[in-house]
């Protein structure tokens, strides 16, 4: 059981992790070891206090060095499911299962919109993890949608167990090895994506492409770089695509906090770092209130 799980490895996630590490909390930090693409790709950062015109690449290197010096390690996973488990939370990330007393959401702004019908069919034919749920569709016909070539290994795994995989890649170059899989039919693309998930009796029955093509399927795997927290936590209060928080970065869910771009504008590093620190201190106070842990310093 972790004291907290931080989801997101950008400025807000790093700030929260550093603070919680300094307070000797048992934490799991989930994200990308590359930190944040937004940081790394920035040409020049001019408005971060104490730093004058630093490049995004150098800023990211400084993040790595500070995390390493603090003994922090990022676990590279995509969180597929979050469930309330009594007074704690259970997280499924890839094929791994974790339990935690608190969560800090530092996911940035998720650009991927859900497909009409998707959210209502999660667990009823729609899945986000091939290794977790692929076995449920052994010998059946399924759809796989991906926005990143990095998920092709999961599609190949699905191809080994399913009767047929209709693959809709939302990127330009599909590998030849995947195209040669006898059970994979590459259909649709960036110009012809899935625009609707069709259901009957509360279960997925197929998808509709932009050009009107209908594909019958028993299941649909949506493989994205990131997922909306409203999809993972349906009761989380979200307004205008941002997570609602109070001054302590508390969400409407007990033990769940949020920081950084995911809480709204301005989308700036200084704001994200400050919110990450506040969220960490709120976690410390929450843990103390619940179980007598050391108070925030």
Protein backbone atom coordinates (compact mmCIF):
# COMPACT_ATOMS: atom_id res chain seq x y z
CA UNK A 1 0.00 0.00 0.00
CA UNK A 2 1.51 3.32 -1.09
CA UNK A 3 0.94 6.59 0.74
CA UNK A 4 0.40 8.23 -2.63
CA UNK A 5 0.61 7.58 -6.36
CA UNK A 6 1.57 10.53 -8.56
CA UNK A 7 0.31 10.21 -12.14
CA UNK A 8 2.34 12.45 -14.44
CA UNK A 9 6.04 13.27 -14.66
CA UNK A 10 6.02 16.89 -15.79
CA UNK A 11 6.83 19.92 -13.58
CA UNK A 12 3.82 19.42 -11.28
CA UNK A 13 4.52 15.71 -10.80
CA UNK A 14 8.21 16.32 -10.12
CA UNK A 15 7.45 19.07 -7.62
CA UNK A 16 5.00 16.84 -5.75
CA UNK A 17 7.41 13.89 -5.80
CA UNK A 18 10.31 15.95 -4.43
CA UNK A 19 8.19 17.28 -1.56
CA UNK A 20 6.75 13.89 -0.64
CA UNK A 21 10.18 12.26 -0.85
CA UNK A 22 11.55 14.90 1.53
CA UNK A 23 8.79 13.93 3.96
CA UNK A 24 9.67 10.23 3.69
CA UNK A 25 6.36 9.21 2.12
CA UNK A 26 6.04 5.86 0.41
CA UNK A 27 5.23 6.97 -3.12
CA UNK A 28 4.90 5.58 -6.62
CA UNK A 29 5.56 8.00 -9.48
CA UNK A 30 3.99 6.96 -12.79
CA UNK A 31 4.77 8.72 -16.05
CA UNK A 32 7.35 9.01 -18.78
CA UNK A 33 11.07 8.88 -18.04
CA UNK A 34 11.41 11.51 -20.76
CA UNK A 35 9.64 13.91 -18.35
CA UNK A 36 7.32 16.09 -20.43
CA UNK A 37 7.32 16.62 -24.20
CA UNK A 38 6.01 20.11 -23.56
CA UNK A 39 9.13 20.90 -21.51
CA UNK A 40 11.64 19.12 -23.72
CA UNK A 41 10.41 20.67 -26.97
CA UNK A 42 10.25 24.24 -25.69
CA UNK A 43 12.62 26.46 -27.67
CA UNK A 44 13.23 28.92 -24.87
CA UNK A 45 11.78 29.48 -21.38
CA UNK A 46 11.97 33.10 -20.27
CA UNK A 47 9.47 33.43 -17.44
CA UNK A 48 10.61 30.83 -14.89
CA UNK A 49 11.97 32.60 -11.78
CA UNK A 50 15.72 32.24 -11.36
CA UNK A 51 16.37 30.94 -14.87
CA UNK A 52 17.19 33.22 -17.81
CA UNK A 53 16.27 32.02 -21.29
CA UNK A 54 16.87 28.32 -20.61
CA UNK A 55 16.10 25.86 -23.40
CA UNK A 56 13.47 23.20 -22.86
CA UNK A 57 16.08 20.50 -23.38
CA UNK A 58 18.32 21.93 -20.63
CA UNK A 59 15.30 22.40 -18.36
CA UNK A 60 14.38 18.73 -18.84
CA UNK A 61 17.98 17.68 -18.10
CA UNK A 62 17.82 19.66 -14.84
CA UNK A 63 14.58 17.84 -13.95
CA UNK A 64 16.26 14.47 -14.54
CA UNK A 65 19.29 15.42 -12.47
CA UNK A 66 17.21 16.65 -9.55
CA UNK A 67 14.98 13.58 -9.55
CA UNK A 68 18.02 11.31 -9.67
CA UNK A 69 19.73 13.21 -6.84
CA UNK A 70 16.59 12.80 -4.72
CA UNK A 71 16.46 9.06 -5.40
CA UNK A 72 13.23 9.29 -7.37
CA UNK A 73 12.38 6.80 -10.11
CA UNK A 74 9.62 7.13 -12.69
CA UNK A 75 7.63 3.97 -13.41
CA UNK A 76 6.65 3.97 -17.07
CA UNK A 77 3.06 2.79 -17.24
CA UNK A 78 -0.26 3.92 -18.56
CA UNK A 79 -2.97 3.82 -15.91
CA UNK A 80 -5.94 1.88 -17.30
CA UNK A 81 -8.28 1.85 -14.34
CA UNK A 82 -8.77 3.54 -10.96
CA UNK A 83 -11.24 2.12 -8.46
CA UNK A 84 -12.27 3.22 -5.00
CA UNK A 85 -11.47 0.37 -2.61
CA UNK A 86 -12.93 1.25 0.78
CA UNK A 87 -10.91 4.26 1.96
CA UNK A 88 -8.09 3.66 -0.53
CA UNK A 89 -7.73 3.37 -4.30
CA UNK A 90 -6.78 0.48 -6.56
CA UNK A 91 -4.93 1.26 -9.80
CA UNK A 92 -4.39 -1.03 -12.75
CA UNK A 93 -1.42 0.11 -14.84
CA UNK A 94 -0.56 -2.20 -17.69
CA UNK A 95 -0.75 -5.64 -16.10
CA UNK A 96 0.34 -4.35 -12.67
CA UNK A 97 -1.94 -3.64 -9.73
CA UNK A 98 -1.29 -1.04 -7.04
CA UNK A 99 -3.07 0.17 -3.92
CA UNK A 100 -2.69 3.67 -2.54
CA UNK A 101 -4.14 5.89 0.15
CA UNK A 102 -4.04 8.99 -2.05
CA UNK A 103 -3.56 10.05 -5.68
CA UNK A 104 -2.09 13.18 -7.23
CA UNK A 105 -3.19 13.78 -10.82
CA UNK A 106 -0.50 15.73 -12.67
CA UNK A 107 -1.39 14.54 -16.13
CA UNK A 108 -1.23 17.79 -18.05
CA UNK A 109 -3.93 18.59 -20.58
CA UNK A 110 -5.18 15.44 -22.29
CA UNK A 111 -5.77 16.26 -25.95
CA UNK A 112 -7.36 12.97 -26.96
CA UNK A 113 -11.13 13.32 -27.05
CA UNK A 114 -13.24 10.25 -26.46
CA UNK A 115 -15.21 8.70 -29.30
CA UNK A 116 -19.01 9.05 -29.09
CA UNK A 117 -20.29 6.04 -27.17
CA UNK A 118 -16.85 5.11 -25.80
CA UNK A 119 -17.24 6.14 -22.16
CA UNK A 120 -20.58 4.32 -21.71
CA UNK A 121 -19.11 1.08 -23.09
CA UNK A 122 -15.99 0.82 -20.94
CA UNK A 123 -16.08 -2.70 -19.48
CA UNK A 124 -18.85 -3.60 -21.93
CA UNK A 125 -16.67 -4.21 -24.95
CA UNK A 126 -14.33 -1.22 -24.74
CA UNK A 127 -10.91 -1.70 -23.15
CA UNK A 128 -7.67 0.28 -22.87
CA UNK A 129 -5.27 -2.59 -22.12
CA UNK A 130 -4.55 -5.46 -24.53
CA UNK A 131 -2.62 -7.60 -22.04
CA UNK A 132 -5.28 -7.12 -19.36
CA UNK A 133 -8.41 -7.90 -21.37
CA UNK A 134 -7.22 -9.51 -24.60
CA UNK A 135 -7.98 -13.00 -23.33
CA UNK A 136 -11.67 -12.14 -23.14
CA UNK A 137 -11.77 -11.91 -26.93
CA UNK A 138 -9.90 -15.06 -27.87
CA UNK A 139 -11.18 -16.30 -31.22
CA UNK A 140 -13.40 -13.23 -31.69
CA UNK A 141 -13.41 -10.23 -34.01
CA UNK A 142 -12.16 -6.98 -32.52
CA UNK A 143 -11.25 -3.41 -33.44
CA UNK A 144 -8.01 -1.80 -32.29
CA UNK A 145 -7.48 1.96 -32.46
CA UNK A 146 -4.07 3.50 -31.74
CA UNK A 147 -2.53 6.96 -32.00
CA UNK A 148 1.07 5.80 -31.59
CA UNK A 149 3.31 3.29 -33.36
CA UNK A 150 4.56 2.29 -29.90
CA UNK A 151 1.35 0.34 -29.29
CA UNK A 152 1.89 -2.00 -32.25
CA UNK A 153 3.30 -4.66 -29.93
CA UNK A 154 -0.07 -4.76 -28.16
CA UNK A 155 -1.87 -5.02 -31.50
CA UNK A 156 0.38 -7.93 -32.48
CA UNK A 157 -0.48 -9.62 -29.20
CA UNK A 158 -4.19 -9.18 -29.96
CA UNK A 159 -3.60 -10.59 -33.45
CA UNK A 160 -2.24 -13.80 -31.91
CA UNK A 161 -5.39 -14.52 -29.93
CA UNK A 162 -8.25 -12.92 -31.88
CA UNK A 163 -9.89 -14.32 -34.99
CA UNK A 164 -9.68 -10.92 -36.67
CA UNK A 165 -8.26 -7.50 -35.76
CA UNK A 166 -9.53 -4.47 -37.65
CA UNK A 167 -6.79 -1.93 -37.03
CA UNK A 168 -7.33 1.83 -37.27
CA UNK A 169 -3.93 3.59 -36.97
CA UNK A 170 -4.11 7.32 -36.22
CA UNK A 171 -0.51 7.87 -37.31
CA UNK A 172 1.20 7.77 -40.70
CA UNK A 173 3.49 4.74 -40.97
CA UNK A 174 2.26 1.28 -39.95
CA UNK A 175 5.10 -1.22 -39.70
CA UNK A 176 5.38 -3.90 -42.39
CA UNK A 177 5.50 -6.63 -39.74
CA UNK A 178 2.06 -5.66 -38.48
CA UNK A 179 0.64 -5.41 -42.00
CA UNK A 180 1.85 -8.95 -42.68
CA UNK A 181 -0.06 -10.41 -39.74
CA UNK A 182 -2.68 -12.68 -41.40
CA UNK A 183 -5.37 -11.81 -38.87
CA UNK A 184 -4.85 -8.02 -39.09
CA UNK A 185 -6.80 -5.88 -41.53
CA UNK A 186 -5.59 -2.26 -41.55
CA UNK A 187 -8.67 -0.11 -42.15
CA UNK A 188 -9.25 3.58 -41.62
CA UNK A 189 -6.57 6.16 -40.90
CA UNK A 190 -6.14 9.76 -39.78
CA UNK A 191 -8.53 10.89 -42.52
CA UNK A 192 -11.02 8.10 -41.89
CA UNK A 193 -11.14 7.49 -38.11
CA UNK A 194 -13.80 5.90 -35.96
CA UNK A 195 -16.55 8.46 -35.35
CA UNK A 196 -18.99 6.32 -33.37
CA UNK A 197 -19.14 3.19 -31.27
CA UNK A 198 -22.32 1.23 -31.85
CA UNK A 199 -24.05 -0.71 -29.08
CA UNK A 200 -26.99 -2.98 -28.46
CA UNK A 201 -28.33 -4.13 -25.09
CA UNK A 202 -25.61 -2.10 -23.37
CA UNK A 203 -22.69 -3.83 -25.12
CA UNK A 204 -20.41 -2.83 -27.98
CA UNK A 205 -21.49 -4.30 -31.31
CA UNK A 206 -19.17 -2.43 -33.68
CA UNK A 207 -17.81 0.90 -34.86
CA UNK A 208 -18.57 3.37 -37.63
CA UNK A 209 -15.84 5.08 -39.66
CA UNK A 210 -16.01 8.63 -40.97
CA UNK A 211 -16.77 7.44 -44.50
CA UNK A 212 -19.78 5.52 -43.21
CA UNK A 213 -18.16 2.07 -43.19
CA UNK A 214 -19.57 -0.08 -40.38
CA UNK A 215 -17.43 -2.76 -38.78
CA UNK A 216 -19.05 -5.41 -36.59
CA UNK A 217 -16.94 -6.37 -33.60
CA UNK A 218 -17.13 -8.07 -30.20
CA UNK A 219 -14.62 -5.70 -28.62
CA UNK A 220 -12.70 -2.48 -29.20
CA UNK A 221 -9.26 -1.66 -27.78
CA UNK A 222 -8.47 2.05 -27.61
CA UNK A 223 -4.70 2.45 -27.24
CA UNK A 224 -3.81 6.07 -26.50
CA UNK A 225 -0.77 7.88 -25.12
CA UNK A 226 -2.99 9.44 -22.50
CA UNK A 227 -6.49 9.13 -21.15
CA UNK A 228 -8.97 11.58 -19.78
CA UNK A 229 -9.16 11.36 -15.99
CA UNK A 230 -12.92 11.70 -16.34
CA UNK A 231 -12.80 8.34 -18.13
CA UNK A 232 -10.73 6.72 -15.37
CA UNK A 233 -12.61 8.42 -12.54
CA UNK A 234 -16.18 9.01 -13.74
CA UNK A 235 -17.19 10.78 -10.50
CA UNK A 236 -14.33 13.29 -10.77
CA UNK A 237 -15.66 16.82 -11.19
CA UNK A 238 -14.43 18.32 -14.45
CA UNK A 239 -15.35 21.66 -15.99
CA UNK A 240 -14.32 22.73 -19.48
CA UNK A 241 -11.85 19.86 -19.77
CA UNK A 242 -10.08 20.76 -16.52
CA UNK A 243 -10.20 19.11 -13.10
CA UNK A 244 -11.87 21.29 -10.48
CA UNK A 245 -9.76 21.85 -7.36
CA UNK A 246 -9.78 24.10 -4.31
CA UNK A 247 -6.85 26.13 -2.96
CA UNK A 248 -5.35 22.96 -1.51
CA UNK A 249 -5.50 21.18 -4.89
CA UNK A 250 -8.21 18.89 -3.50
CA UNK A 251 -10.69 17.45 -5.99
CA UNK A 252 -14.26 16.46 -5.11
CA UNK A 253 -13.06 12.89 -4.42
CA UNK A 254 -11.56 12.08 -1.00
CA UNK A 255 -7.81 11.51 -1.18
CA UNK A 256 -7.56 12.63 -4.81
CA UNK A 257 -5.61 15.80 -5.61
CA UNK A 258 -4.63 17.46 -8.89
CA UNK A 259 -1.94 19.92 -10.01
CA UNK A 260 -0.55 21.55 -13.13
CA UNK A 261 -2.10 22.10 -16.54
CA UNK A 262 -4.88 19.58 -15.84
CA UNK A 263 -6.40 22.06 -13.35
CA UNK A 264 -6.64 24.87 -15.89
CA UNK A 265 -4.88 27.94 -17.21
CA UNK A 266 -2.38 29.49 -17.19
CA UNK A 267 -0.41 26.61 -18.68
CA UNK A 268 2.90 27.69 -17.20
CA UNK A 269 5.73 25.80 -15.51
CA UNK A 270 5.88 28.07 -12.46
CA UNK A 271 2.18 27.59 -11.82
CA UNK A 272 2.49 23.80 -12.24
CA UNK A 273 5.45 23.55 -9.85
CA UNK A 274 3.66 25.59 -7.21
CA UNK A 275 0.51 23.51 -7.46
CA UNK A 276 2.51 20.29 -7.26
CA UNK A 277 4.05 21.48 -4.01
CA UNK A 278 0.66 22.50 -2.59
CA UNK A 279 -0.87 19.17 -3.59
CA UNK A 280 1.93 17.29 -1.85
CA UNK A 281 1.44 19.22 1.38
CA UNK A 282 -2.30 18.59 1.19
CA UNK A 283 -1.58 14.87 0.81
CA UNK A 284 0.65 14.98 3.90
CA UNK A 285 -2.08 16.72 5.88
CA UNK A 286 -4.68 14.23 4.63
CA UNK A 287 -2.55 11.24 5.64
CA UNK A 288 -1.96 12.75 9.06
CA UNK A 289 -5.67 13.32 9.52
CA UNK A 290 -6.50 9.75 8.50
CA UNK A 291 -3.76 7.84 10.21
CA UNK A 292 -1.54 9.92 12.43
CA UNK A 293 1.33 10.35 9.96
CA UNK A 294 3.83 13.16 10.46
CA UNK A 295 2.42 16.58 9.77
CA UNK A 296 3.52 18.78 6.87
CA UNK A 297 6.57 20.92 7.61
